[in-house]
Protein backbone atom coordinates (compact mmCIF):
# COMPACT_ATOMS: atom_id res chain seq x y z
CA UNK A 1 0.00 0.00 0.00
CA UNK A 2 1.11 3.50 -0.78
CA UNK A 3 2.23 5.73 2.10
CA UNK A 4 1.22 9.42 2.01
CA UNK A 5 2.83 11.93 4.38
CA UNK A 6 0.88 15.07 5.32
CA UNK A 7 2.60 18.15 6.73
CA UNK A 8 1.02 20.98 8.69
CA UNK A 9 4.12 23.16 8.47
CA UNK A 10 4.89 22.85 12.18
CA UNK A 11 8.46 23.88 12.96
CA UNK A 12 8.72 20.70 15.05
CA UNK A 13 8.20 18.41 12.04
CA UNK A 14 11.81 18.75 10.88
CA UNK A 15 13.27 18.92 14.40
CA UNK A 16 11.58 15.70 15.55
CA UNK A 17 11.26 14.07 12.12
CA UNK A 18 7.50 13.53 12.01
CA UNK A 19 4.50 14.15 9.79
CA UNK A 20 1.25 15.68 11.02
CA UNK A 21 -0.54 12.71 9.49
CA UNK A 22 0.31 9.51 7.65
CA UNK A 23 -2.11 7.70 5.37
CA UNK A 24 -1.56 4.10 4.34
CA UNK A 25 -4.43 2.71 2.30
CA UNK A 26 -7.65 3.66 4.11
CA UNK A 27 -5.87 4.21 7.46
CA UNK A 28 -4.88 7.66 8.71
CA UNK A 29 -3.00 8.40 11.92
CA UNK A 30 -2.57 11.93 13.21
CA UNK A 31 0.01 12.43 15.94
CA UNK A 32 -0.08 14.74 18.93
CA UNK A 33 -1.52 17.96 17.55
CA UNK A 34 -0.67 21.06 19.56
CA UNK A 35 -2.59 24.37 19.66
CA UNK A 36 -0.45 26.17 17.08
CA UNK A 37 -1.42 28.37 14.17
CA UNK A 38 0.06 28.01 10.68
CA UNK A 39 3.01 30.23 11.67
CA UNK A 40 3.92 27.93 14.57
CA UNK A 41 2.62 30.30 17.26
CA UNK A 42 0.69 28.98 20.26
CA UNK A 43 -2.93 30.15 20.30
CA UNK A 44 -5.23 30.56 23.28
CA UNK A 45 -2.56 30.72 25.96
CA UNK A 46 -4.28 29.80 29.22
CA UNK A 47 -7.60 28.94 27.50
CA UNK A 48 -8.30 25.21 27.14
CA UNK A 49 -11.37 25.79 24.94
CA UNK A 50 -9.50 27.90 22.38
CA UNK A 51 -6.57 25.47 22.38
CA UNK A 52 -8.84 22.44 21.92
CA UNK A 53 -10.60 24.10 18.98
CA UNK A 54 -7.25 24.97 17.37
CA UNK A 55 -6.06 21.37 17.69
CA UNK A 56 -9.21 20.01 16.06
CA UNK A 57 -9.11 22.59 13.26
CA UNK A 58 -5.50 21.58 12.50
CA UNK A 59 -6.56 17.92 12.52
CA UNK A 60 -9.49 18.70 10.22
CA UNK A 61 -7.13 20.29 7.68
CA UNK A 62 -4.72 17.34 7.86
CA UNK A 63 -7.59 14.89 7.28
CA UNK A 64 -8.75 16.89 4.26
CA UNK A 65 -5.20 16.86 2.83
CA UNK A 66 -5.26 13.07 3.30
CA UNK A 67 -8.53 12.78 1.34
CA UNK A 68 -10.67 12.32 4.42
CA UNK A 69 -12.78 14.25 6.93
CA UNK A 70 -13.78 14.28 10.56
CA UNK A 71 -16.55 11.82 9.61
CA UNK A 72 -13.90 9.11 9.16
CA UNK A 73 -12.43 9.50 12.67
CA UNK A 74 -12.68 6.33 14.76
CA UNK A 75 -10.54 7.34 17.78
CA UNK A 76 -9.40 10.51 19.53
CA UNK A 77 -6.98 10.91 22.39
CA UNK A 78 -6.92 14.11 24.41
CA UNK A 79 -3.78 14.65 26.45
CA UNK A 80 -4.15 17.39 29.07
CA UNK A 81 -1.66 18.98 31.43
CA UNK A 82 -4.51 19.49 33.93
CA UNK A 83 -7.15 16.76 34.08
CA UNK A 84 -9.54 19.29 35.65
CA UNK A 85 -9.81 20.82 32.13
CA UNK A 86 -11.35 17.62 30.74
CA UNK A 87 -14.96 18.84 30.69
CA UNK A 88 -14.24 22.07 28.80
CA UNK A 89 -12.06 20.19 26.31
CA UNK A 90 -14.71 17.50 25.93
CA UNK A 91 -17.42 20.08 25.21
CA UNK A 92 -15.37 21.47 22.31
CA UNK A 93 -14.64 17.92 21.09
CA UNK A 94 -18.35 17.11 21.24
CA UNK A 95 -19.18 20.13 19.08
CA UNK A 96 -17.20 18.44 16.28
CA UNK A 97 -17.86 14.75 16.99
CA UNK A 98 -21.27 14.50 18.65
CA UNK A 99 -22.85 12.84 15.61
CA UNK A 100 -19.76 10.80 14.68
CA UNK A 101 -19.08 9.39 18.16
CA UNK A 102 -15.53 8.02 17.79
CA UNK A 103 -14.00 6.34 20.82
CA UNK A 104 -11.95 8.61 23.06
CA UNK A 105 -9.30 8.52 25.73
CA UNK A 106 -8.65 11.47 28.03
CA UNK A 107 -5.48 11.48 30.08
CA UNK A 108 -3.25 13.81 32.02
CA UNK A 109 0.41 14.24 31.16
CA UNK A 110 3.07 16.09 33.11
CA UNK A 111 3.88 18.61 30.37
CA UNK A 112 4.51 19.20 26.69
CA UNK A 113 7.62 20.54 24.96
CA UNK A 114 6.03 23.99 25.05
CA UNK A 115 4.81 24.93 28.55
CA UNK A 116 2.03 27.11 27.06
CA UNK A 117 0.29 24.07 25.59
CA UNK A 118 -2.56 22.78 27.75
CA UNK A 119 -3.61 20.01 25.34
CA UNK A 120 -2.52 17.86 22.44
CA UNK A 121 -4.94 15.67 20.48
CA UNK A 122 -4.27 12.50 18.47
CA UNK A 123 -6.69 10.99 15.95
CA UNK A 124 -7.06 7.77 13.99
CA UNK A 125 -9.34 7.55 10.97
CA UNK A 126 -10.36 4.97 8.41
CA UNK A 127 -11.66 6.14 5.04
CA UNK A 128 -14.71 4.03 4.26
CA UNK A 129 -16.03 5.67 1.12
């Protein structure tokens, strides 16, 4: 099966050696997506809702570049630096996925490489059409 690499332009892609998303056949994996804009700047510093929305919007774009959409998502993982933020993050997630209902894992991590990041989100999708 052909392997397609999708970039979001993150400055960390070259430093770490990763792609925002990888598609192999109908399978798409999107790695830890941080709340950064297209210039690599953190958005919504101190605001979990704004950061969650930014992560999902970045994921949405990566899925579209991979020939997919949010409708194909089967799993999300929300990694939070403060588990007390789970409900606000989940409300934003639900605004995108309420009708799709992929499985989800929410967990707390100690920190991210940028201390301004409150959340990173990972997604797996399978293109079925």
